């Protein structure tokens, strides 16, 4: 990740997490807000990012909010369609980046190690939208003001649900059948392809291309 991400941010040594990366973005930026959610055939809900670094930081590793540097990414080696905690109510859907405390093993799935997803993630880390907007192409334009998050948190339930099938990480989150019923739209089932080099995640017909470094490079 180092060379590819260096042009979009800065790497630095963190006392707790080691070598980490901070993107060159504005002060109000948050992970998983510039793009959209798409339903894939193989992996459940996938975050299709509009950002040139999205292929890496929204599919590998974890995020944390640092007082001095803002949002910071901790590299990881397990690919996923997205690494978020989900919350849901009758009207709202919300997601927040999973923190470094939450691990994942393809043999057993999510590893919390005592971390509580319901209480361990700060309300300000969540992005909430009205459920009827969930399939919109530019969902970031419908995220509710952060000041409302504390109230919304109390009216939503944790629905984070990751599973592994045939070594494929699946991000279930909010049930697609419910989303389709509320939005009145069918969620197109997208196939995930792997290009040979980093690229923007653009859907062409029914395929989204998401670059994954070779295993030996990750090691």
Protein backbone atom coordinates (compact mmCIF):
# COMPACT_ATOMS: atom_id res chain seq x y z
CA UNK A 1 0.00 0.00 0.00
CA UNK A 2 2.84 2.38 0.76
CA UNK A 3 3.77 3.67 -2.69
CA UNK A 4 0.20 3.86 -3.98
CA UNK A 5 -1.16 5.71 -0.95
CA UNK A 6 1.79 8.04 -0.47
CA UNK A 7 0.51 10.33 -3.23
CA UNK A 8 -2.86 10.73 -1.48
CA UNK A 9 -1.76 11.31 2.12
CA UNK A 10 1.07 10.82 4.57
CA UNK A 11 2.52 7.84 6.39
CA UNK A 12 3.75 8.23 9.95
CA UNK A 13 4.66 6.18 13.00
CA UNK A 14 1.92 5.91 15.63
CA UNK A 15 2.89 4.90 19.19
CA UNK A 16 0.09 2.33 19.41
CA UNK A 17 -0.50 1.08 15.86
CA UNK A 18 2.88 1.49 14.19
CA UNK A 19 3.05 2.71 10.58
CA UNK A 20 -0.30 4.32 9.67
CA UNK A 21 -1.69 6.56 6.95
CA UNK A 22 -3.67 9.80 7.02
CA UNK A 23 -5.44 11.02 3.83
CA UNK A 24 -5.12 14.52 2.37
CA UNK A 25 -8.73 15.56 2.88
CA UNK A 26 -10.70 18.37 4.48
CA UNK A 27 -11.44 18.63 8.23
CA UNK A 28 -15.02 17.40 7.86
CA UNK A 29 -14.08 14.25 5.93
CA UNK A 30 -15.09 10.82 7.21
CA UNK A 31 -14.44 7.30 5.89
CA UNK A 32 -17.21 5.60 3.93
CA UNK A 33 -19.07 8.79 3.01
CA UNK A 34 -18.02 9.55 -0.59
CA UNK A 35 -19.43 6.74 -2.65
CA UNK A 36 -22.35 4.34 -2.42
CA UNK A 37 -23.41 0.91 -1.20
CA UNK A 38 -23.92 -1.82 -3.79
CA UNK A 39 -25.16 -5.36 -3.32
CA UNK A 40 -22.72 -7.91 -4.73
CA UNK A 41 -23.38 -11.51 -5.65
CA UNK A 42 -20.37 -12.86 -3.76
CA UNK A 43 -19.75 -10.54 -0.80
CA UNK A 44 -22.97 -8.81 0.26
CA UNK A 45 -22.81 -5.03 0.73
CA UNK A 46 -19.72 -3.47 -0.84
CA UNK A 47 -18.62 0.15 -0.54
CA UNK A 48 -17.99 1.60 -4.01
CA UNK A 49 -15.72 4.57 -3.33
CA UNK A 50 -15.39 7.71 -5.44
CA UNK A 51 -11.90 8.30 -4.05
CA UNK A 52 -8.65 7.16 -5.71
CA UNK A 53 -7.41 5.48 -2.53
CA UNK A 54 -10.70 3.68 -1.86
CA UNK A 55 -9.54 0.31 -3.27
CA UNK A 56 -7.19 -0.01 -0.29
CA UNK A 57 -8.48 1.80 2.77
CA UNK A 58 -12.15 0.75 2.57
CA UNK A 59 -11.40 -2.92 1.91
CA UNK A 60 -8.35 -3.59 4.09
CA UNK A 61 -7.39 -2.53 7.59
CA UNK A 62 -9.15 -0.38 10.17
CA UNK A 63 -9.77 3.29 10.97
CA UNK A 64 -9.50 5.35 14.14
CA UNK A 65 -10.05 9.03 14.91
CA UNK A 66 -6.88 10.68 16.20
CA UNK A 67 -7.11 14.02 18.02
CA UNK A 68 -4.12 15.47 16.18
CA UNK A 69 -4.32 13.84 12.74
CA UNK A 70 -8.04 13.26 12.22
CA UNK A 71 -9.06 9.96 10.63
CA UNK A 72 -6.14 7.54 10.39
CA UNK A 73 -5.94 4.19 8.62
CA UNK A 74 -4.18 1.12 10.04
CA UNK A 75 -3.15 -1.29 7.24
CA UNK A 76 -4.42 -4.87 7.19
CA UNK A 77 -4.12 -7.90 4.94
CA UNK A 78 -7.66 -9.34 4.83
CA UNK A 79 -9.85 -8.03 2.02
CA UNK A 80 -13.50 -7.35 2.72
CA UNK A 81 -16.32 -5.65 0.80
CA UNK A 82 -16.28 -3.02 3.59
CA UNK A 83 -15.25 -3.05 7.25
CA UNK A 84 -18.02 -1.27 9.13
CA UNK A 85 -20.34 -1.63 12.09
CA UNK A 86 -24.02 -1.33 11.17
CA UNK A 87 -26.95 0.17 13.06
CA UNK A 88 -30.61 0.19 12.02
CA UNK A 89 -34.06 1.39 13.02
CA UNK A 90 -37.43 1.59 11.28
CA UNK A 91 -36.29 4.82 9.59
CA UNK A 92 -32.49 5.05 9.70
CA UNK A 93 -29.47 3.04 8.54
CA UNK A 94 -26.02 3.86 9.88
CA UNK A 95 -22.47 2.61 9.51
CA UNK A 96 -19.13 3.41 11.13
CA UNK A 97 -15.58 2.21 10.37
CA UNK A 98 -14.55 -0.76 12.46
CA UNK A 99 -11.75 0.23 14.88
CA UNK A 100 -8.37 -1.56 15.19
CA UNK A 101 -9.67 -3.41 18.27
CA UNK A 102 -11.94 -5.51 16.03
CA UNK A 103 -10.11 -8.33 14.28
CA UNK A 104 -11.15 -10.84 11.66
CA UNK A 105 -10.16 -14.44 10.96
CA UNK A 106 -11.41 -16.18 7.82
CA UNK A 107 -11.84 -19.37 9.87
CA UNK A 108 -14.07 -17.88 12.59
CA UNK A 109 -15.17 -14.43 11.38
CA UNK A 110 -15.28 -11.23 13.45
CA UNK A 111 -13.08 -11.26 16.55
CA UNK A 112 -14.20 -8.73 19.14
CA UNK A 113 -11.83 -9.70 21.96
CA UNK A 114 -14.12 -8.10 24.52
CA UNK A 115 -14.86 -5.02 22.39
CA UNK A 116 -18.55 -4.05 22.42
CA UNK A 117 -19.80 -2.80 19.05
CA UNK A 118 -22.92 -1.30 20.64
CA UNK A 119 -21.03 0.92 23.06
CA UNK A 120 -17.40 1.00 21.93
CA UNK A 121 -17.86 3.16 18.82
CA UNK A 122 -18.44 6.88 19.41
CA UNK A 123 -21.73 8.25 18.01
CA UNK A 124 -19.84 10.86 15.94
CA UNK A 125 -18.14 8.07 13.99
CA UNK A 126 -21.43 6.95 12.43
CA UNK A 127 -22.92 8.09 9.16
CA UNK A 128 -26.73 7.84 9.22
CA UNK A 129 -29.16 8.19 6.34
CA UNK A 130 -32.89 7.69 5.97
CA UNK A 131 -33.43 4.10 4.92
CA UNK A 132 -35.25 5.19 1.77
CA UNK A 133 -32.01 6.84 0.58
CA UNK A 134 -29.78 3.82 1.10
CA UNK A 135 -29.51 2.86 -2.59
CA UNK A 136 -28.85 6.39 -3.86
CA UNK A 137 -25.72 6.80 -5.98
CA UNK A 138 -24.29 9.70 -3.96
CA UNK A 139 -25.40 8.70 -0.51
CA UNK A 140 -23.03 11.17 1.14
CA UNK A 141 -25.39 13.99 0.25
CA UNK A 142 -28.09 12.48 2.48
CA UNK A 143 -26.05 11.83 5.63
CA UNK A 144 -27.80 13.49 8.56
CA UNK A 145 -25.96 16.17 10.61
CA UNK A 146 -23.55 14.66 13.10
CA UNK A 147 -25.28 16.55 15.94
CA UNK A 148 -28.26 14.19 15.62
CA UNK A 149 -26.19 11.02 16.00
CA UNK A 150 -26.50 10.68 19.77
CA UNK A 151 -30.30 10.71 19.56
CA UNK A 152 -30.34 8.32 16.60
CA UNK A 153 -27.97 5.88 18.33
CA UNK A 154 -30.51 5.42 21.13
CA UNK A 155 -33.19 4.49 18.61
CA UNK A 156 -31.15 2.03 16.54
CA UNK A 157 -29.88 -1.51 17.02
CA UNK A 158 -26.51 -3.03 16.16
CA UNK A 159 -26.95 -5.34 13.14
CA UNK A 160 -23.29 -5.94 12.23
CA UNK A 161 -23.09 -9.35 10.57
CA UNK A 162 -20.01 -10.72 8.82
CA UNK A 163 -19.73 -14.33 7.73
CA UNK A 164 -17.30 -16.42 5.68
CA UNK A 165 -18.46 -18.79 2.92
CA UNK A 166 -15.86 -20.68 0.86
CA UNK A 167 -13.19 -18.23 2.08
CA UNK A 168 -15.30 -15.28 0.90
CA UNK A 169 -15.96 -12.49 3.40
CA UNK A 170 -19.65 -11.54 3.31
CA UNK A 171 -20.97 -8.26 4.72
CA UNK A 172 -24.67 -8.74 5.39
CA UNK A 173 -25.64 -5.67 7.43
CA UNK A 174 -29.14 -4.42 6.69
CA UNK A 175 -31.21 -7.11 4.89
CA UNK A 176 -31.38 -6.37 1.17
CA UNK A 177 -35.01 -7.47 1.00
CA UNK A 178 -35.96 -4.79 3.52
CA UNK A 179 -33.97 -2.12 1.67
CA UNK A 180 -35.73 -3.01 -1.57
CA UNK A 181 -39.13 -2.87 0.10
CA UNK A 182 -38.52 0.52 1.72
CA UNK A 183 -36.86 2.14 -1.29
CA UNK A 184 -39.21 0.61 -3.84
CA UNK A 185 -36.18 -0.31 -5.93
CA UNK A 186 -34.39 -3.53 -6.68
CA UNK A 187 -30.76 -3.55 -5.59
CA UNK A 188 -28.78 -4.60 -8.65
CA UNK A 189 -26.64 -7.65 -7.90
CA UNK A 190 -23.08 -6.77 -8.90
CA UNK A 191 -20.16 -9.09 -9.60
CA UNK A 192 -16.74 -8.20 -8.20
CA UNK A 193 -13.78 -8.39 -10.60
CA UNK A 194 -10.10 -7.92 -9.80
CA UNK A 195 -8.13 -5.61 -12.13
CA UNK A 196 -4.35 -5.93 -12.38
CA UNK A 197 -3.64 -2.44 -11.00
CA UNK A 198 -5.23 0.08 -8.61
CA UNK A 199 -8.12 1.96 -10.18
CA UNK A 200 -11.29 3.84 -9.28
CA UNK A 201 -14.15 1.57 -8.38
CA UNK A 202 -16.50 2.06 -11.32
CA UNK A 203 -19.46 -0.18 -12.08
CA UNK A 204 -19.61 -1.25 -15.71
CA UNK A 205 -22.93 -2.93 -16.45
CA UNK A 206 -23.05 -5.47 -13.61
CA UNK A 207 -19.37 -5.56 -12.62
CA UNK A 208 -17.39 -3.50 -10.08
CA UNK A 209 -13.61 -3.67 -10.31
CA UNK A 210 -11.71 -3.76 -7.03
CA UNK A 211 -7.93 -4.18 -7.03
CA UNK A 212 -6.33 -6.57 -4.57
CA UNK A 213 -2.55 -6.81 -4.16
CA UNK A 214 -1.03 -10.25 -4.57
CA UNK A 215 -0.75 -12.30 -1.40
CA UNK A 216 3.06 -12.18 -1.43
CA UNK A 217 2.94 -8.37 -1.58
CA UNK A 218 0.58 -8.24 1.39
CA UNK A 219 2.85 -10.49 3.39
